[in-house]
Amino acid sequence: MTIGSYSSMRLLRRAMVIINFLNVYFISTVILFTTKKIVDLQLSREFLASVVNLPLNPAFQYCIILVLYAILTQCIHIWKIDENKNGSYIFGVIELISCFLISGLIYLGYNGLFLLVFCDCLIHARNNSHVPFMIGILVIGYLASSYDVFSAFMKIPDLAAYLEIYDAGTKSLLSFGLSIGSTLNIVLFIAFIVSYLADQIQQKENIEKELSMVQNVNRELRDYAAITEKIGENNERKRLAREIHDTLGHALTGIAAGVDA
């Protein structure tokens, strides 16, 4: 992974951490204050009649969500530092579990956390054989994290029921705020994927260049070996020629000396 692309991906991931925190905080705050509003207006009976399951204690739920998100962000930070150590993938597993728990606690009103954890796993995919399996789980979780899909298997309160308490203007404003947060997260995710793909293409080009350089070096080595071999053959011919010359010279000298005698 090139340094420039890695820095840009880390920056985008950091921005996604902030955006996801704001989105999760926004939804959990809406749940908390809406519950208080329901109690204050004595609308509990009507509200409970509109949901398929009894909601959790909102204050406890609010605190647990913030704690889980703090654990998730801490795991992202630690995994970045210890990514080359054996067993470091456990931080990715904790991220995965935290992601599912938070999504459940906010009643599947937001699934952008899956994109955040997906990006973090993608960064570490090259150095860990367990990460592709976790990415597969994240993809399935993201596709199944729709309330309409999940409620067919498990009864959970609908976040939309909380918004129904408000008037049309407030309801539209809250829905708009959630849509803006989700859109920003998707934009950052797309930018991250583009940066990642650009890095992969750059790495492929670098590998092709290195392979081309290796092939050139190998070709030069083969040429050098051929030249060296040819030089060795020429030297051997010269040595044999000298030996033949010396042998013939001694033989002719001996013959000449015999004739003179």
Protein backbone atom coordinates (compact mmCIF):
# COMPACT_ATOMS: atom_id res chain seq x y z
CA MET A 1 0.00 0.00 0.00
CA THR A 2 1.50 3.33 -1.08
CA ILE A 3 2.11 5.94 1.59
CA GLY A 4 -0.04 8.61 -0.06
CA SER A 5 -3.05 6.34 -0.56
CA TYR A 6 -2.72 4.90 2.96
CA SER A 7 -2.72 8.42 4.44
CA SER A 8 -5.79 9.43 2.45
CA MET A 9 -7.63 6.24 3.45
CA ARG A 10 -6.78 6.81 7.12
CA LEU A 11 -8.06 10.39 6.82
CA LEU A 12 -11.30 9.22 5.22
CA ARG A 13 -11.70 6.53 7.87
CA ARG A 14 -11.22 9.14 10.60
CA ALA A 15 -13.89 11.30 8.98
CA MET A 16 -16.22 8.29 8.85
CA VAL A 17 -15.62 7.66 12.56
CA ILE A 18 -16.76 11.23 13.31
CA ILE A 19 -19.78 11.12 10.97
CA ASN A 20 -20.89 7.74 12.32
CA PHE A 21 -20.58 8.98 15.89
CA LEU A 22 -22.76 11.99 15.06
CA ASN A 23 -25.34 9.78 13.37
CA VAL A 24 -25.46 7.23 16.20
CA TYR A 25 -25.51 10.00 18.81
CA PHE A 26 -28.30 11.76 16.91
CA ILE A 27 -30.50 8.64 16.74
CA SER A 28 -29.89 7.60 20.36
CA THR A 29 -30.64 11.16 21.50
CA VAL A 30 -33.87 11.19 19.49
CA ILE A 31 -34.89 7.90 21.12
CA LEU A 32 -34.03 9.20 24.61
CA PHE A 33 -35.78 12.58 24.36
CA THR A 34 -38.73 11.20 22.42
CA THR A 35 -39.30 8.65 25.19
CA LYS A 36 -39.22 11.49 27.73
CA LYS A 37 -41.67 13.45 25.59
CA ILE A 38 -43.98 10.43 25.38
CA VAL A 39 -43.98 10.12 29.16
CA ASP A 40 -44.48 13.85 29.69
CA LEU A 41 -47.43 13.95 27.27
CA GLN A 42 -48.82 10.72 28.71
CA LEU A 43 -48.80 9.02 25.32
CA SER A 44 -47.25 5.79 26.57
CA ARG A 45 -50.34 3.68 25.88
CA GLU A 46 -50.69 4.92 22.31
CA PHE A 47 -46.96 4.56 21.65
CA LEU A 48 -46.73 1.01 23.02
CA ALA A 49 -49.72 0.07 20.89
CA SER A 50 -47.82 1.23 17.78
CA VAL A 51 -44.69 -0.88 18.37
CA VAL A 52 -44.43 -4.65 18.09
CA ASN A 53 -42.10 -5.08 21.05
CA LEU A 54 -41.40 -3.33 24.34
CA PRO A 55 -38.53 -0.80 23.95
CA LEU A 56 -35.46 -0.88 26.17
CA ASN A 57 -34.82 1.52 29.02
CA PRO A 58 -33.83 4.63 27.01
CA ALA A 59 -31.27 5.99 29.53
CA PHE A 60 -29.56 2.61 29.86
CA GLN A 61 -29.76 2.15 26.09
CA TYR A 62 -28.21 5.60 25.53
CA CYS A 63 -25.25 4.88 27.82
CA ILE A 64 -24.62 1.41 26.38
CA ILE A 65 -24.59 2.82 22.83
CA LEU A 66 -21.97 5.43 23.73
CA VAL A 67 -19.83 2.86 25.56
CA LEU A 68 -19.99 0.46 22.62
CA TYR A 69 -19.04 3.18 20.18
CA ALA A 70 -16.10 4.15 22.38
CA ILE A 71 -14.98 0.49 22.35
CA LEU A 72 -15.36 0.37 18.56
CA THR A 73 -13.25 3.49 17.98
CA GLN A 74 -10.62 2.30 20.46
CA CYS A 75 -10.36 -1.02 18.62
CA ILE A 76 -9.89 0.86 15.34
CA HIS A 77 -7.04 2.81 16.91
CA ILE A 78 -5.36 -0.21 18.55
CA TRP A 79 -5.68 -2.40 15.45
CA LYS A 80 -3.95 0.31 13.45
CA ILE A 81 -0.98 0.18 15.84
CA ASP A 82 -0.80 -3.60 16.35
CA GLU A 83 -1.86 -4.77 12.87
CA ASN A 84 1.29 -6.86 12.34
CA LYS A 85 1.05 -8.74 15.66
CA ASN A 86 -0.35 -12.25 15.90
CA GLY A 87 -3.97 -12.29 17.03
CA SER A 88 -4.50 -8.60 16.21
CA TYR A 89 -7.59 -9.57 14.21
CA ILE A 90 -9.41 -9.92 17.55
CA PHE A 91 -9.81 -6.12 17.49
CA GLY A 92 -11.64 -6.49 14.19
CA VAL A 93 -13.90 -9.12 15.76
CA ILE A 94 -14.71 -6.72 18.61
CA GLU A 95 -15.46 -4.00 16.05
CA LEU A 96 -17.80 -6.40 14.28
CA ILE A 97 -19.65 -7.32 17.48
CA SER A 98 -19.91 -3.67 18.56
CA CYS A 99 -21.28 -2.76 15.14
CA PHE A 100 -24.06 -5.37 15.34
CA LEU A 101 -24.94 -4.46 18.95
CA ILE A 102 -25.16 -0.72 18.25
CA SER A 103 -27.27 -1.30 15.14
CA GLY A 104 -29.65 -3.41 17.20
CA LEU A 105 -29.82 -0.86 20.02
CA ILE A 106 -30.82 1.92 17.61
CA TYR A 107 -33.48 -0.40 16.14
CA LEU A 108 -31.74 -0.66 12.75
CA GLY A 109 -32.43 3.00 12.12
CA TYR A 110 -28.94 3.38 10.68
CA ASN A 111 -26.59 0.87 9.05
CA GLY A 112 -23.63 3.11 8.21
CA LEU A 113 -21.54 1.49 10.95
CA PHE A 114 -21.17 -1.57 8.73
CA LEU A 115 -19.49 0.64 6.11
CA LEU A 116 -17.07 2.04 8.69
CA VAL A 117 -16.01 -1.38 9.98
CA PHE A 118 -15.86 -2.64 6.38
CA CYS A 119 -13.36 0.11 5.50
CA ASP A 120 -11.25 -0.63 8.56
CA CYS A 121 -11.18 -4.35 7.75
CA LEU A 122 -10.30 -3.57 4.14
CA ILE A 123 -7.19 -1.67 5.26
CA HIS A 124 -6.00 -4.73 7.20
CA ALA A 125 -7.10 -7.35 4.66
CA ARG A 126 -3.62 -7.77 3.16
CA ASN A 127 -1.98 -8.58 6.51
CA ASN A 128 -4.58 -10.91 8.02
CA SER A 129 -6.18 -14.06 6.63
CA HIS A 130 -9.21 -13.76 8.95
CA VAL A 131 -10.29 -10.36 7.62
CA PRO A 132 -11.94 -11.56 4.35
CA PHE A 133 -14.27 -13.74 6.43
CA MET A 134 -15.22 -10.74 8.59
CA ILE A 135 -15.79 -8.64 5.46
CA GLY A 136 -18.21 -11.28 4.22
CA ILE A 137 -20.13 -11.11 7.51
CA LEU A 138 -20.23 -7.31 7.26
CA VAL A 139 -21.66 -7.44 3.74
CA ILE A 140 -24.39 -9.84 4.87
CA GLY A 141 -25.06 -7.69 7.94
CA TYR A 142 -25.33 -4.53 5.85
CA LEU A 143 -27.77 -6.13 3.42
CA ALA A 144 -29.87 -7.58 6.24
CA SER A 145 -29.81 -4.47 8.46
CA SER A 146 -33.08 -3.15 7.07
CA TYR A 147 -35.91 -3.00 9.59
CA ASP A 148 -38.34 -4.53 7.09
CA VAL A 149 -35.99 -7.49 6.53
CA PHE A 150 -34.91 -8.04 10.12
CA SER A 151 -38.37 -7.62 11.68
CA ALA A 152 -39.54 -10.64 9.71
CA PHE A 153 -37.27 -12.78 11.93
CA MET A 154 -37.19 -10.84 15.20
CA LYS A 155 -39.64 -8.34 16.66
CA ILE A 156 -38.00 -5.02 17.50
CA PRO A 157 -39.41 -1.49 17.91
CA ASP A 158 -39.53 0.65 14.80
CA LEU A 159 -37.58 3.92 14.88
CA ALA A 160 -40.26 5.45 12.67
CA ALA A 161 -42.73 5.02 15.55
CA TYR A 162 -40.66 7.49 17.60
CA LEU A 163 -40.82 10.08 14.84
CA GLU A 164 -44.60 9.76 14.59
CA ILE A 165 -44.87 11.49 17.97
CA TYR A 166 -43.79 14.80 16.43
CA ASP A 167 -45.63 17.16 14.14
CA ALA A 168 -45.00 17.05 10.40
CA GLY A 169 -42.41 19.84 10.44
CA THR A 170 -40.32 18.38 13.26
CA LYS A 171 -40.63 14.89 11.80
CA SER A 172 -39.38 16.13 8.43
CA LEU A 173 -36.49 17.97 10.08
CA LEU A 174 -35.39 14.89 12.03
CA SER A 175 -35.69 12.68 8.95
CA PHE A 176 -33.69 15.20 6.95
CA GLY A 177 -30.94 15.27 9.58
CA LEU A 178 -30.67 11.49 9.53
CA SER A 179 -30.66 11.43 5.72
CA ILE A 180 -27.88 14.03 5.56
CA GLY A 181 -25.75 12.03 8.00
CA SER A 182 -26.30 8.79 6.10
CA THR A 183 -25.54 10.46 2.78
CA LEU A 184 -22.29 11.97 4.07
CA ASN A 185 -21.23 8.57 5.36
CA ILE A 186 -21.95 6.95 1.99
CA VAL A 187 -20.02 9.69 0.18
CA LEU A 188 -17.01 9.12 2.45
CA PHE A 189 -17.34 5.36 1.92
CA ILE A 190 -17.34 5.79 -1.86
CA ALA A 191 -14.30 8.10 -1.62
CA PHE A 192 -12.56 5.47 0.52
CA ILE A 193 -13.30 2.69 -1.98
CA VAL A 194 -12.09 4.88 -4.88
CA SER A 195 -8.88 5.61 -2.96
CA TYR A 196 -8.45 1.91 -2.18
CA LEU A 197 -8.99 0.86 -5.80
CA ALA A 198 -6.61 3.57 -7.00
CA ASP A 199 -4.02 2.23 -4.57
CA GLN A 200 -4.55 -1.31 -5.85
CA ILE A 201 -4.10 -0.14 -9.45
CA GLN A 202 -0.97 1.78 -8.47
CA GLN A 203 0.42 -1.27 -6.70
CA LYS A 204 -0.32 -3.41 -9.75
CA GLU A 205 1.50 -0.92 -11.97
CA ASN A 206 4.45 -0.85 -9.55
CA ILE A 207 4.59 -4.64 -9.53
CA GLU A 208 4.49 -4.71 -13.34
CA LYS A 209 7.34 -2.18 -13.44
CA GLU A 210 9.35 -4.22 -10.96
CA LEU A 211 8.72 -7.39 -12.96
CA SER A 212 9.78 -5.59 -16.12
CA MET A 213 12.95 -4.43 -14.37
CA VAL A 214 13.62 -7.97 -13.17
CA GLN A 215 13.11 -9.31 -16.69
CA ASN A 216 15.51 -6.68 -18.05
CA VAL A 217 18.08 -7.59 -15.41
CA ASN A 218 17.65 -11.28 -16.19
CA ARG A 219 18.08 -10.58 -19.89
CA GLU A 220 21.21 -8.55 -19.23
CA LEU A 221 22.52 -11.33 -17.00
CA ARG A 222 21.87 -13.88 -19.73
CA ASP A 223 23.65 -11.65 -22.26
CA TYR A 224 26.52 -11.18 -19.84
CA ALA A 225 26.68 -14.94 -19.25
CA ALA A 226 26.72 -15.56 -23.02
CA ILE A 227 29.46 -12.98 -23.52
CA THR A 228 31.44 -14.41 -20.61
CA GLU A 229 31.07 -17.89 -22.04
CA LYS A 230 32.21 -16.68 -25.46
CA ILE A 231 35.18 -14.93 -23.92
CA GLY A 232 36.00 -18.12 -22.03
CA GLU A 233 35.82 -20.13 -25.25
CA ASN A 234 38.12 -17.64 -27.01
CA ASN A 235 40.59 -17.78 -24.13
CA GLU A 236 40.49 -21.58 -24.23
CA ARG A 237 41.17 -21.55 -27.99
CA LYS A 238 44.11 -19.21 -27.47
CA ARG A 239 45.47 -21.42 -24.69
CA LEU A 240 45.18 -24.51 -26.86
CA ALA A 241 46.77 -22.65 -29.78
CA ARG A 242 49.70 -21.63 -27.56
CA GLU A 243 50.10 -25.18 -26.27
CA ILE A 244 50.02 -26.56 -29.83
CA HIS A 245 52.45 -23.87 -30.93
CA ASP A 246 54.81 -24.63 -28.06
CA THR A 247 54.52 -28.39 -28.60
CA LEU A 248 55.20 -28.08 -32.33
CA GLY A 249 58.02 -25.66 -31.65
CA HIS A 250 59.73 -28.06 -29.27
CA ALA A 251 59.15 -30.96 -31.65
CA LEU A 252 60.60 -29.08 -34.64
CA THR A 253 63.52 -27.90 -32.53
CA GLY A 254 64.23 -31.49 -31.53
CA ILE A 255 64.02 -32.66 -35.13
CA ALA A 256 66.32 -29.87 -36.30
CA ALA A 257 68.84 -30.72 -33.62
CA GLY A 258 68.73 -34.39 -34.65
CA VAL A 259 69.33 -33.51 -38.29
CA ASP A 260 72.29 -31.28 -37.44
CA ALA A 261 73.81 -34.04 -35.38
